[in-house]
């Protein structure tokens, strides 16, 4: 009979051997699972490209079994379900993918909510929640902050809108679209000082941006800003060769109403007409400048042309008629 001591020694030896082999076996199993996952994934992609969507879905479900926390797999399964009109399953899988990887998988989840909910307030709240979660997960993603602006602003959530705009510019530097957004918000809030500053501040960074100049000049002209204040911006616009006829017309009109530099005003008015020769407003400006210069016959000719181009009964037509009456009195 074998001694008890000898049996215990053999058992201990077996235990030690098994303990040494278990990590190796675990590694082999994990490696096999990764290989299987890769095989199923590529086979699914080929099936999808061939239009074999059910086969692709079956293969991806095998991938899910091997790695249930792979967000890309879950999202792809969800998209396949959605593409084959199985929306409940699609929502389930895409939602799971989003919460596993909100910083990268947010777009699909956000767009899915838009498709299934549209203008529903509850869906919009879900979209907002999703974007805020995504922003925390990936605070350097500019697209997320831009999407947040499109939700915050219509809701009148100005503090968060400004925060999102600030975040965009922190990541990308000064942006014209952010300056324009701030300008529009401040105008809505009737804070003209900040509305003007939003555009002027951006022009300090990008003085050659004609789009921002146009928006600022429209704002200042609408607010009847004095020539002294507006002129530097108009001159910059002229020097940059801007192509908006309204800018030249407005500058010409401002000079005319101040009865200064009429020859220059005439040049500007003609430039506006070169862009649009049939605009009644531009023709009226030109006629009025000719009148102020004492060019009677030319002024009468162009004021008649302005009346012909204006819509009868319109506010513009009535204004032109006043100029017509004054010009024809002389």
Protein backbone atom coordinates (compact mmCIF):
# COMPACT_ATOMS: atom_id res chain seq x y z
CA UNK A 1 0.00 0.00 0.00
CA UNK A 2 1.23 3.50 -0.93
CA UNK A 3 1.88 5.78 1.95
CA UNK A 4 -0.56 8.64 2.65
CA UNK A 5 2.36 11.04 2.61
CA UNK A 6 3.23 10.05 -0.98
CA UNK A 7 -0.37 10.53 -2.17
CA UNK A 8 -0.52 14.02 -0.67
CA UNK A 9 2.71 14.95 -2.38
CA UNK A 10 1.32 13.94 -5.78
CA UNK A 11 -1.91 15.83 -5.20
CA UNK A 12 0.04 18.97 -4.24
CA UNK A 13 2.16 18.61 -7.37
CA UNK A 14 -0.95 18.36 -9.57
CA UNK A 15 -2.43 21.46 -7.96
CA UNK A 16 0.75 23.43 -8.63
CA UNK A 17 0.81 22.29 -12.26
CA UNK A 18 -2.84 23.23 -12.77
CA UNK A 19 -2.28 26.66 -11.25
CA UNK A 20 0.58 27.24 -13.65
CA UNK A 21 -1.44 26.13 -16.68
CA UNK A 22 -4.65 28.08 -15.91
CA UNK A 23 -3.34 31.54 -17.06
CA UNK A 24 -2.03 29.95 -20.26
CA UNK A 25 -5.37 28.27 -20.90
CA UNK A 26 -7.19 31.51 -20.13
CA UNK A 27 -4.95 33.39 -22.58
CA UNK A 28 -5.56 30.80 -25.26
CA UNK A 29 -9.31 31.03 -24.68
CA UNK A 30 -9.26 34.82 -24.84
CA UNK A 31 -7.15 34.71 -27.99
CA UNK A 32 -9.55 32.28 -29.59
CA UNK A 33 -12.48 34.50 -28.68
CA UNK A 34 -10.76 37.50 -30.28
CA UNK A 35 -10.05 35.48 -33.42
CA UNK A 36 -13.64 34.32 -33.60
CA UNK A 37 -14.87 37.87 -33.07
CA UNK A 38 -12.67 39.17 -35.88
CA UNK A 39 -13.80 36.38 -38.20
CA UNK A 40 -17.50 36.98 -37.57
CA UNK A 41 -17.08 40.75 -37.86
CA UNK A 42 -15.39 40.61 -41.28
CA UNK A 43 -17.84 37.97 -42.50
CA UNK A 44 -20.71 40.23 -41.40
CA UNK A 45 -19.24 43.17 -43.27
CA UNK A 46 -18.94 41.10 -46.44
CA UNK A 47 -22.51 39.87 -46.07
CA UNK A 48 -23.75 43.44 -45.58
CA UNK A 49 -21.87 44.65 -48.67
CA UNK A 50 -23.50 41.80 -50.61
CA UNK A 51 -26.96 42.86 -49.41
CA UNK A 52 -27.33 39.77 -47.21
CA UNK A 53 -28.62 41.71 -44.21
CA UNK A 54 -30.11 38.82 -42.25
CA UNK A 55 -26.85 36.88 -42.51
CA UNK A 56 -24.87 39.96 -41.51
CA UNK A 57 -27.16 40.41 -38.52
CA UNK A 58 -26.76 36.78 -37.46
CA UNK A 59 -22.97 37.06 -37.63
CA UNK A 60 -22.96 40.29 -35.64
CA UNK A 61 -25.14 38.70 -32.99
CA UNK A 62 -22.40 36.09 -32.68
CA UNK A 63 -19.96 38.97 -32.16
CA UNK A 64 -22.21 40.30 -29.43
CA UNK A 65 -22.10 36.93 -27.65
CA UNK A 66 -18.31 37.01 -27.75
CA UNK A 67 -18.06 40.66 -26.62
CA UNK A 68 -21.34 42.10 -25.31
CA UNK A 69 -19.71 45.44 -24.49
CA UNK A 70 -18.35 46.31 -27.92
CA UNK A 71 -20.21 49.55 -28.69
CA UNK A 72 -19.46 49.54 -32.43
CA UNK A 73 -20.95 46.06 -32.80
CA UNK A 74 -24.07 47.03 -30.88
CA UNK A 75 -24.50 50.20 -32.93
CA UNK A 76 -24.08 48.28 -36.20
CA UNK A 77 -26.64 45.70 -35.09
CA UNK A 78 -29.01 48.54 -34.26
CA UNK A 79 -28.53 50.13 -37.67
CA UNK A 80 -29.21 46.80 -39.38
CA UNK A 81 -32.37 46.38 -37.36
CA UNK A 82 -33.46 49.91 -38.26
CA UNK A 83 -32.68 49.32 -41.93
CA UNK A 84 -34.88 46.22 -41.92
CA UNK A 85 -37.70 48.13 -40.19
CA UNK A 86 -37.32 46.54 -36.76
CA UNK A 87 -37.30 49.78 -34.82
CA UNK A 88 -37.79 48.48 -31.30
CA UNK A 89 -34.69 46.30 -31.57
CA UNK A 90 -32.86 49.17 -33.25
CA UNK A 91 -33.60 51.54 -30.39
CA UNK A 92 -32.52 48.95 -27.84
CA UNK A 93 -29.14 48.25 -29.44
CA UNK A 94 -28.28 51.84 -30.38
CA UNK A 95 -29.18 53.02 -26.90
CA UNK A 96 -26.92 50.37 -25.36
CA UNK A 97 -24.10 51.40 -27.70
CA UNK A 98 -24.51 55.04 -26.74
CA UNK A 99 -24.37 54.45 -22.99
CA UNK A 100 -21.31 52.24 -23.40
CA UNK A 101 -19.47 54.89 -25.43
CA UNK A 102 -21.33 58.24 -25.33
CA UNK A 103 -18.35 60.28 -26.45
CA UNK A 104 -18.13 58.51 -29.82
CA UNK A 105 -21.53 56.89 -30.43
CA UNK A 106 -23.66 59.96 -29.72
CA UNK A 107 -24.41 60.92 -33.33
CA UNK A 108 -26.27 57.72 -34.22
CA UNK A 109 -28.29 57.81 -31.00
CA UNK A 110 -29.05 61.53 -31.43
CA UNK A 111 -30.16 61.07 -35.05
CA UNK A 112 -32.26 58.02 -34.18
CA UNK A 113 -34.13 60.03 -31.55
CA UNK A 114 -34.76 62.71 -34.17
CA UNK A 115 -36.09 60.15 -36.64
CA UNK A 116 -38.46 58.48 -34.20
CA UNK A 117 -39.51 61.55 -32.23
CA UNK A 118 -39.32 64.56 -34.51
CA UNK A 119 -40.69 67.61 -32.70
CA UNK A 120 -41.93 65.69 -29.66
CA UNK A 121 -40.88 67.61 -26.49
CA UNK A 122 -39.97 64.39 -24.66
CA UNK A 123 -37.71 63.32 -27.52
CA UNK A 124 -36.06 66.73 -27.60
CA UNK A 125 -35.40 66.40 -23.86
CA UNK A 126 -33.81 62.97 -24.52
CA UNK A 127 -31.64 64.50 -27.24
CA UNK A 128 -30.51 67.25 -24.91
CA UNK A 129 -29.72 64.75 -22.16
CA UNK A 130 -27.78 62.62 -24.66
CA UNK A 131 -25.71 65.58 -25.85
CA UNK A 132 -24.90 66.69 -22.33
CA UNK A 133 -23.77 63.16 -21.45
CA UNK A 134 -21.69 63.06 -24.64
CA UNK A 135 -20.14 66.45 -23.85
CA UNK A 136 -19.01 65.18 -20.46
CA UNK A 137 -17.58 62.03 -22.02
CA UNK A 138 -15.80 63.91 -24.81
CA UNK A 139 -15.53 67.63 -23.91
CA UNK A 140 -13.17 68.32 -26.84
CA UNK A 141 -15.66 67.28 -29.53
CA UNK A 142 -16.70 70.50 -31.30
CA UNK A 143 -19.63 68.84 -33.10
CA UNK A 144 -21.26 68.03 -29.78
CA UNK A 145 -21.07 71.65 -28.64
CA UNK A 146 -22.40 72.84 -31.99
CA UNK A 147 -25.35 70.45 -31.67
CA UNK A 148 -25.96 71.72 -28.13
CA UNK A 149 -26.19 75.28 -29.48
CA UNK A 150 -28.98 74.19 -31.85
CA UNK A 151 -30.97 72.92 -28.86
CA UNK A 152 -30.14 75.51 -26.20
CA UNK A 153 -30.83 78.55 -28.41
CA UNK A 154 -34.39 77.64 -29.54
CA UNK A 155 -35.23 76.89 -25.91
CA UNK A 156 -34.04 80.34 -24.86
CA UNK A 157 -31.40 78.83 -22.60
CA UNK A 158 -28.99 81.68 -23.19
CA UNK A 159 -26.47 80.92 -20.43
CA UNK A 160 -25.85 77.41 -21.74
CA UNK A 161 -25.87 78.70 -25.33
CA UNK A 162 -23.12 81.17 -24.54
CA UNK A 163 -21.22 78.46 -22.65
CA UNK A 164 -21.37 76.16 -25.68
CA UNK A 165 -20.24 78.98 -28.00
CA UNK A 166 -17.36 79.75 -25.64
CA UNK A 167 -16.39 76.08 -25.62
CA UNK A 168 -16.34 75.95 -29.44
CA UNK A 169 -14.03 78.95 -29.58
CA UNK A 170 -11.81 77.55 -26.83
CA UNK A 171 -11.29 74.49 -29.01
CA UNK A 172 -11.08 76.18 -32.41
CA UNK A 173 -10.25 79.83 -31.80
CA UNK A 174 -12.47 82.79 -32.71
CA UNK A 175 -15.26 81.74 -35.07
CA UNK A 176 -17.38 84.00 -37.30
CA UNK A 177 -20.43 81.80 -36.80
CA UNK A 178 -20.12 82.14 -33.02
CA UNK A 179 -19.86 85.92 -33.27
CA UNK A 180 -22.93 85.99 -35.51
CA UNK A 181 -24.85 83.77 -33.11
CA UNK A 182 -24.00 86.03 -30.17
CA UNK A 183 -25.03 89.07 -32.22
CA UNK A 184 -28.42 87.56 -33.05
CA UNK A 185 -29.06 86.56 -29.44
CA UNK A 186 -28.17 90.00 -28.07
CA UNK A 187 -30.39 91.64 -30.68
CA UNK A 188 -33.23 89.37 -29.60
CA UNK A 189 -32.53 90.38 -26.00
CA UNK A 190 -32.52 94.05 -27.12
CA UNK A 191 -28.99 94.58 -25.87
CA UNK A 192 -27.68 96.64 -28.79
CA UNK A 193 -24.37 97.42 -27.11
CA UNK A 194 -23.42 93.76 -26.74
CA UNK A 195 -24.87 92.90 -30.16
CA UNK A 196 -22.54 95.44 -31.75
CA UNK A 197 -19.58 94.39 -29.61
CA UNK A 198 -19.98 90.74 -30.62
CA UNK A 199 -19.23 91.64 -34.25
CA UNK A 200 -16.66 94.34 -33.58
CA UNK A 201 -14.70 92.03 -31.29
CA UNK A 202 -14.53 89.39 -34.00
CA UNK A 203 -13.35 91.95 -36.55
CA UNK A 204 -10.35 92.65 -34.32
CA UNK A 205 -9.34 89.04 -34.93
CA UNK A 206 -10.38 88.83 -38.59
CA UNK A 207 -10.59 92.39 -39.98
CA UNK A 208 -11.03 91.21 -43.56
CA UNK A 209 -14.21 89.20 -43.01
CA UNK A 210 -16.73 90.86 -45.33
CA UNK A 211 -19.65 88.77 -44.08
CA UNK A 212 -19.19 90.08 -40.54
CA UNK A 213 -18.69 93.60 -41.90
CA UNK A 214 -21.96 93.38 -43.82
CA UNK A 215 -23.83 92.22 -40.74
CA UNK A 216 -22.32 95.00 -38.63
CA UNK A 217 -23.03 97.66 -41.26
CA UNK A 218 -26.63 96.48 -41.64
CA UNK A 219 -27.03 96.71 -37.88
CA UNK A 220 -25.48 100.19 -37.60
CA UNK A 221 -27.42 101.50 -40.61
CA UNK A 222 -30.66 100.11 -39.18
CA UNK A 223 -29.89 101.87 -35.88
CA UNK A 224 -29.24 105.21 -37.68
CA UNK A 225 -25.68 105.30 -36.41
CA UNK A 226 -23.88 108.57 -37.24
CA UNK A 227 -21.61 108.77 -40.26
CA UNK A 228 -18.56 109.24 -38.04
CA UNK A 229 -19.19 105.87 -36.40
CA UNK A 230 -20.09 103.94 -39.55
CA UNK A 231 -17.67 105.37 -42.05
CA UNK A 232 -14.51 103.42 -40.99
CA UNK A 233 -16.36 100.13 -41.48
CA UNK A 234 -17.82 101.21 -44.83
CA UNK A 235 -14.36 102.27 -46.01
CA UNK A 236 -12.91 98.95 -44.95
CA UNK A 237 -15.66 97.17 -46.89
CA UNK A 238 -14.95 99.25 -50.02
CA UNK A 239 -11.21 98.60 -49.72
CA UNK A 240 -11.82 94.86 -49.40
CA UNK A 241 -13.90 94.87 -52.59
CA UNK A 242 -17.10 93.58 -51.01
CA UNK A 243 -19.77 92.59 -53.49
CA UNK A 244 -23.04 93.40 -51.71
CA UNK A 245 -24.83 96.16 -53.63
CA UNK A 246 -26.82 97.17 -50.55
CA UNK A 247 -23.61 98.15 -48.72
CA UNK A 248 -22.62 100.61 -51.46
CA UNK A 249 -26.14 101.97 -51.72
CA UNK A 250 -26.39 102.49 -47.96
CA UNK A 251 -23.04 104.22 -47.80
CA UNK A 252 -24.00 106.48 -50.71
CA UNK A 253 -27.31 107.31 -49.05
CA UNK A 254 -25.63 108.10 -45.73
CA UNK A 255 -23.25 110.52 -47.45
CA UNK A 256 -26.16 112.08 -49.33
CA UNK A 257 -28.27 112.60 -46.20
CA UNK A 258 -25.25 114.28 -44.61
CA UNK A 259 -24.79 116.31 -47.83
CA UNK A 260 -21.10 115.54 -47.94
CA UNK A 261 -18.75 114.17 -50.61
CA UNK A 262 -21.52 113.95 -53.18
CA UNK A 263 -19.17 113.00 -56.01
CA UNK A 264 -17.95 110.04 -53.97
CA UNK A 265 -21.56 109.22 -53.07
CA UNK A 266 -22.40 109.19 -56.78
CA UNK A 267 -19.57 106.73 -57.45
CA UNK A 268 -20.81 104.45 -54.70
CA UNK A 269 -24.40 104.62 -55.95
CA UNK A 270 -23.28 103.73 -59.46
CA UNK A 271 -21.36 100.78 -58.06
CA UNK A 272 -24.55 99.51 -56.43
CA UNK A 273 -26.36 99.87 -59.74
CA UNK A 274 -23.60 97.93 -61.49
CA UNK A 275 -24.58 94.98 -59.30
CA UNK A 276 -28.33 95.49 -59.74
CA UNK A 277 -29.44 98.03 -62.33
CA UNK A 278 -33.17 97.42 -61.78
CA UNK A 279 -33.43 97.87 -58.03
CA UNK A 280 -35.84 100.76 -57.40
CA UNK A 281 -34.17 101.66 -54.11
CA UNK A 282 -30.73 101.96 -55.69
CA UNK A 283 -32.06 104.01 -58.60
CA UNK A 284 -33.82 106.31 -56.14
CA UNK A 285 -30.57 106.85 -54.21
CA UNK A 286 -28.74 107.71 -57.41
CA UNK A 287 -31.50 110.12 -58.51
CA UNK A 288 -31.46 111.87 -55.14
CA UNK A 289 -27.68 112.35 -55.25
CA UNK A 290 -27.98 113.81 -58.76
CA UNK A 291 -30.64 116.15 -57.42
CA UNK A 292 -28.36 117.32 -54.59
CA UNK A 293 -25.59 117.91 -57.14
CA UNK A 294 -27.93 120.12 -59.16
CA UNK A 295 -28.04 117.72 -62.13
CA UNK A 296 -31.72 118.37 -62.75
CA UNK A 297 -32.43 116.54 -66.01
CA UNK A 298 -30.52 113.43 -64.99
CA UNK A 299 -32.21 113.41 -61.58
CA UNK A 300 -35.67 113.61 -63.19
CA UNK A 301 -34.87 110.81 -65.60
CA UNK A 302 -33.69 108.42 -62.90
CA UNK A 303 -36.44 109.24 -60.42
CA UNK A 304 -38.97 108.29 -63.12
CA UNK A 305 -37.08 105.04 -63.64
CA UNK A 306 -37.20 104.39 -59.90
CA UNK A 307 -40.98 104.86 -59.81
CA UNK A 308 -41.43 102.49 -62.73
CA UNK A 309 -39.40 99.77 -61.00
CA UNK A 310 -41.09 100.13 -57.59
CA UNK A 311 -44.14 98.05 -56.68
CA UNK A 312 -47.18 100.38 -56.82
CA UNK A 313 -48.56 101.20 -53.37
CA UNK A 314 -45.52 99.84 -51.53
CA UNK A 315 -43.71 101.80 -48.82
CA UNK A 316 -40.73 102.16 -51.16
CA UNK A 317 -42.96 103.49 -53.92
CA UNK A 318 -44.40 106.07 -51.55
CA UNK A 319 -40.93 107.19 -50.49
CA UNK A 320 -39.80 107.49 -54.10
CA UNK A 321 -42.94 109.52 -54.87
CA UNK A 322 -41.90 112.04 -52.20
CA UNK A 323 -38.49 112.38 -53.83
CA UNK A 324 -40.17 112.66 -57.23
CA UNK A 325 -42.34 115.55 -56.03
CA UNK A 326 -39.33 117.39 -54.58
CA UNK A 327 -37.16 116.86 -57.69
CA UNK A 328 -39.90 118.04 -60.04
CA UNK A 329 -40.58 121.23 -58.03
CA UNK A 330 -37.26 122.73 -59.05
